[in-house]
Amino acid sequence: MEYPAFKNLHITQVRFFKSIDEIPKINLSPGIEKRVQSILEMLDELLSTNLPHREEAILSLLNTFFVYCDGKCNIKTFISDNNQKAALVYKFKKRIDKHFSEYHEVSAYAQLLYVSDKYLNECVKEVLGTNAKSLIDEKLIMTARHELKFTDKPIKEIAYQLGFSSPDYFSYYLKKHTNLSPRQIRKS
């Protein structure tokens, strides 16, 4: 937790353990739970290898894991009952988990939630410190990585399953967001 990338996370300020023998439990939504499981599987895989940049990859995955856990430690996520913006963001994230393979644009979710794109982005920025599109992209990328690493489905099938118009566009999208092609992700 002393690593510089972890210092600004809320998770570092929370005491998880009441006693040394206790294992903390963080309740995760089903969508986040799947992502965290994928991260843990990749960590487990990395720990048993001797890749040249193994340590950097492990730190990167740990950072991602802590960011997901951090959301559970951030006080803003606990005030959704009295905070309309936080409640809207919660509904948005639920819609993403349900419809990410159908809708890739913020406008579609804004329409489902009966708000403007601008207002949805404003709420996400205020509550989570990012923009609405990045949450959609994050879900698509995490699911794509999981499917590529842990299934034998053809790339074409994964592309269509995730709602991309073609395997070429799926490849372009992943390359743009991860600097890796689907084949490179599958082999890594």
Protein backbone atom coordinates (compact mmCIF):
# COMPACT_ATOMS: atom_id res chain seq x y z
CA MET A 1 0.00 0.00 0.00
CA GLU A 2 3.05 2.25 0.19
CA TYR A 3 3.48 2.20 -3.60
CA PRO A 4 3.03 5.79 -4.96
CA ALA A 5 0.18 4.85 -7.31
CA PHE A 6 -1.88 3.60 -4.34
CA LYS A 7 -1.41 6.62 -2.04
CA ASN A 8 -4.38 8.68 -3.32
CA LEU A 9 -6.93 5.89 -3.03
CA HIS A 10 -9.56 6.01 -0.28
CA ILE A 11 -8.86 2.34 0.40
CA THR A 12 -5.62 3.28 2.17
CA GLN A 13 -7.60 5.24 4.77
CA VAL A 14 -10.03 2.46 5.66
CA ARG A 15 -9.40 -0.13 8.36
CA PHE A 16 -10.65 -3.43 6.98
CA PHE A 17 -9.58 -5.60 9.86
CA LYS A 18 -11.01 -5.53 13.39
CA SER A 19 -8.60 -8.27 14.35
CA ILE A 20 -5.60 -9.84 12.67
CA ASP A 21 -7.44 -13.13 11.98
CA GLU A 22 -10.42 -11.54 10.25
CA ILE A 23 -10.77 -11.48 6.46
CA PRO A 24 -12.62 -8.36 5.28
CA LYS A 25 -15.66 -8.70 3.06
CA ILE A 26 -16.47 -6.12 0.43
CA ASN A 27 -19.85 -6.61 -1.24
CA LEU A 28 -19.46 -6.07 -4.98
CA SER A 29 -22.15 -5.72 -7.60
CA PRO A 30 -22.30 -8.73 -9.99
CA GLY A 31 -20.64 -6.76 -12.81
CA ILE A 32 -17.76 -5.56 -10.64
CA GLU A 33 -17.46 -9.00 -9.05
CA LYS A 34 -16.81 -10.56 -12.48
CA ARG A 35 -14.19 -7.91 -13.27
CA VAL A 36 -12.44 -8.40 -9.94
CA GLN A 37 -12.48 -12.18 -10.49
CA SER A 38 -10.82 -11.66 -13.88
CA ILE A 39 -8.16 -9.45 -12.31
CA LEU A 40 -7.47 -12.04 -9.62
CA GLU A 41 -7.20 -14.78 -12.27
CA MET A 42 -4.68 -12.68 -14.22
CA LEU A 43 -2.71 -11.99 -11.02
CA ASP A 44 -2.64 -15.68 -10.23
CA GLU A 45 -1.41 -16.43 -13.75
CA LEU A 46 1.30 -13.75 -13.55
CA LEU A 47 2.58 -14.94 -10.18
CA SER A 48 3.50 -18.29 -11.71
CA THR A 49 5.47 -16.83 -14.65
CA ASN A 50 8.86 -15.26 -15.18
CA LEU A 51 7.86 -12.65 -17.75
CA PRO A 52 10.34 -9.79 -18.27
CA HIS A 53 7.94 -7.08 -17.00
CA ARG A 54 6.13 -9.27 -14.51
CA GLU A 55 6.43 -6.85 -11.57
CA GLU A 56 5.02 -3.91 -13.55
CA ALA A 57 2.10 -6.07 -14.76
CA ILE A 58 1.36 -7.22 -11.21
CA LEU A 59 1.44 -3.62 -9.91
CA SER A 60 -0.86 -2.54 -12.72
CA LEU A 61 -3.38 -5.28 -11.95
CA LEU A 62 -3.16 -4.55 -8.22
CA ASN A 63 -3.81 -0.89 -8.94
CA THR A 64 -6.90 -1.84 -10.98
CA PHE A 65 -8.07 -4.18 -8.20
CA PHE A 66 -7.62 -1.45 -5.58
CA VAL A 67 -9.48 1.07 -7.74
CA TYR A 68 -12.50 -1.26 -7.80
CA CYS A 69 -12.26 -1.76 -4.03
CA ASP A 70 -11.70 1.96 -3.59
CA GLY A 71 -15.16 2.64 -4.95
CA LYS A 72 -16.52 0.72 -1.98
CA CYS A 73 -14.42 2.85 0.40
CA ASN A 74 -15.23 6.22 -1.13
CA ILE A 75 -17.74 7.99 1.08
CA LYS A 76 -19.51 9.37 -2.00
CA THR A 77 -20.72 5.88 -2.90
CA PHE A 78 -22.54 5.50 0.42
CA ILE A 79 -24.75 8.57 0.19
CA SER A 80 -26.91 7.51 -2.74
CA ASP A 81 -30.11 7.57 -0.66
CA ASN A 82 -29.94 11.34 -0.18
CA ASN A 83 -27.95 12.30 -3.26
CA GLN A 84 -29.78 12.33 -6.57
CA LYS A 85 -26.59 12.49 -8.62
CA ALA A 86 -25.05 9.48 -6.87
CA ALA A 87 -28.33 7.59 -7.30
CA LEU A 88 -28.34 8.41 -11.02
CA VAL A 89 -24.74 7.20 -11.38
CA TYR A 90 -25.66 3.97 -9.58
CA LYS A 91 -28.56 3.43 -12.03
CA PHE A 92 -26.24 4.24 -14.95
CA LYS A 93 -23.69 1.64 -13.81
CA LYS A 94 -26.49 -0.92 -13.44
CA ARG A 95 -27.67 -0.16 -16.99
CA ILE A 96 -24.12 -0.56 -18.30
CA ASP A 97 -23.83 -3.99 -16.65
CA LYS A 98 -27.10 -5.01 -18.30
CA HIS A 99 -26.80 -3.36 -21.75
CA PHE A 100 -23.08 -2.86 -22.51
CA SER A 101 -23.18 -5.22 -25.48
CA GLU A 102 -26.17 -3.38 -26.96
CA TYR A 103 -25.29 0.25 -26.28
CA HIS A 104 -21.80 1.73 -26.57
CA GLU A 105 -22.77 5.42 -26.49
CA VAL A 106 -23.61 7.66 -23.54
CA SER A 107 -26.65 9.04 -25.36
CA ALA A 108 -28.36 5.62 -25.31
CA TYR A 109 -27.97 5.35 -21.53
CA ALA A 110 -29.04 8.96 -21.01
CA GLN A 111 -32.19 8.16 -22.96
CA LEU A 112 -32.84 5.06 -20.82
CA LEU A 113 -32.45 7.21 -17.69
CA TYR A 114 -34.54 10.13 -19.05
CA VAL A 115 -31.72 12.68 -18.69
CA SER A 116 -29.48 14.56 -21.11
CA ASP A 117 -26.02 13.30 -22.07
CA LYS A 118 -24.54 16.45 -20.55
CA TYR A 119 -26.27 15.95 -17.19
CA LEU A 120 -25.30 12.26 -17.05
CA ASN A 121 -21.66 13.16 -17.73
CA GLU A 122 -21.79 15.91 -15.11
CA CYS A 123 -23.12 13.48 -12.48
CA VAL A 124 -20.55 10.78 -13.28
CA LYS A 125 -17.75 13.35 -13.15
CA GLU A 126 -18.91 14.70 -9.79
CA VAL A 127 -19.50 11.31 -8.16
CA LEU A 128 -16.69 9.21 -9.68
CA GLY A 129 -14.25 11.72 -11.10
CA THR A 130 -14.40 10.37 -14.65
CA ASN A 131 -16.69 10.67 -17.65
CA ALA A 132 -19.63 8.46 -18.57
CA LYS A 133 -18.05 7.11 -21.76
CA SER A 134 -15.04 5.81 -19.84
CA LEU A 135 -17.33 3.62 -17.70
CA ILE A 136 -18.84 2.07 -20.82
CA ASP A 137 -15.38 1.57 -22.36
CA GLU A 138 -14.08 0.06 -19.13
CA LYS A 139 -16.88 -2.54 -19.09
CA LEU A 140 -16.32 -3.41 -22.76
CA ILE A 141 -12.54 -3.69 -22.39
CA MET A 142 -12.67 -5.77 -19.21
CA THR A 143 -15.21 -8.14 -20.76
CA ALA A 144 -13.24 -8.38 -24.01
CA ARG A 145 -10.01 -9.13 -22.11
CA HIS A 146 -11.75 -11.79 -20.04
CA GLU A 147 -13.30 -13.44 -23.08
CA LEU A 148 -10.01 -13.38 -25.00
CA LYS A 149 -7.92 -14.73 -22.10
CA PHE A 150 -10.27 -17.28 -20.58
CA THR A 151 -12.33 -18.67 -23.47
CA ASP A 152 -11.53 -20.28 -26.80
CA LYS A 153 -14.21 -18.33 -28.66
CA PRO A 154 -13.07 -16.96 -32.01
CA ILE A 155 -12.28 -13.24 -32.01
CA LYS A 156 -15.07 -12.70 -34.52
CA GLU A 157 -17.62 -14.27 -32.16
CA ILE A 158 -16.44 -12.15 -29.21
CA ALA A 159 -16.64 -9.00 -31.35
CA TYR A 160 -20.27 -9.66 -32.32
CA GLN A 161 -21.17 -10.83 -28.80
CA LEU A 162 -19.97 -7.46 -27.45
CA GLY A 163 -22.03 -5.55 -30.01
CA PHE A 164 -19.30 -4.45 -32.41
CA SER A 165 -20.30 -4.06 -36.04
CA SER A 166 -17.28 -6.02 -37.29
CA PRO A 167 -14.21 -7.86 -36.02
CA ASP A 168 -12.07 -5.15 -37.67
CA TYR A 169 -13.75 -2.41 -35.67
CA PHE A 170 -13.40 -4.53 -32.49
CA SER A 171 -9.66 -4.83 -33.19
CA TYR A 172 -9.37 -1.10 -33.84
CA TYR A 173 -11.25 -0.32 -30.61
CA LEU A 174 -9.06 -2.59 -28.47
CA LYS A 175 -5.87 -1.31 -30.08
CA LYS A 176 -6.98 2.29 -29.45
CA HIS A 177 -7.77 1.65 -25.76
CA THR A 178 -5.13 -0.92 -24.79
CA ASN A 179 -2.41 -0.62 -27.47
CA LEU A 180 -2.87 -4.37 -28.02
CA SER A 181 -4.69 -6.30 -30.71
CA PRO A 182 -7.14 -9.06 -29.71
CA ARG A 183 -4.52 -11.67 -30.69
CA GLN A 184 -1.88 -9.96 -28.53
CA ILE A 185 -4.27 -9.85 -25.57
CA ARG A 186 -5.10 -13.52 -26.05
CA LYS A 187 -1.39 -14.50 -26.12
CA SER A 188 -0.30 -12.32 -23.19
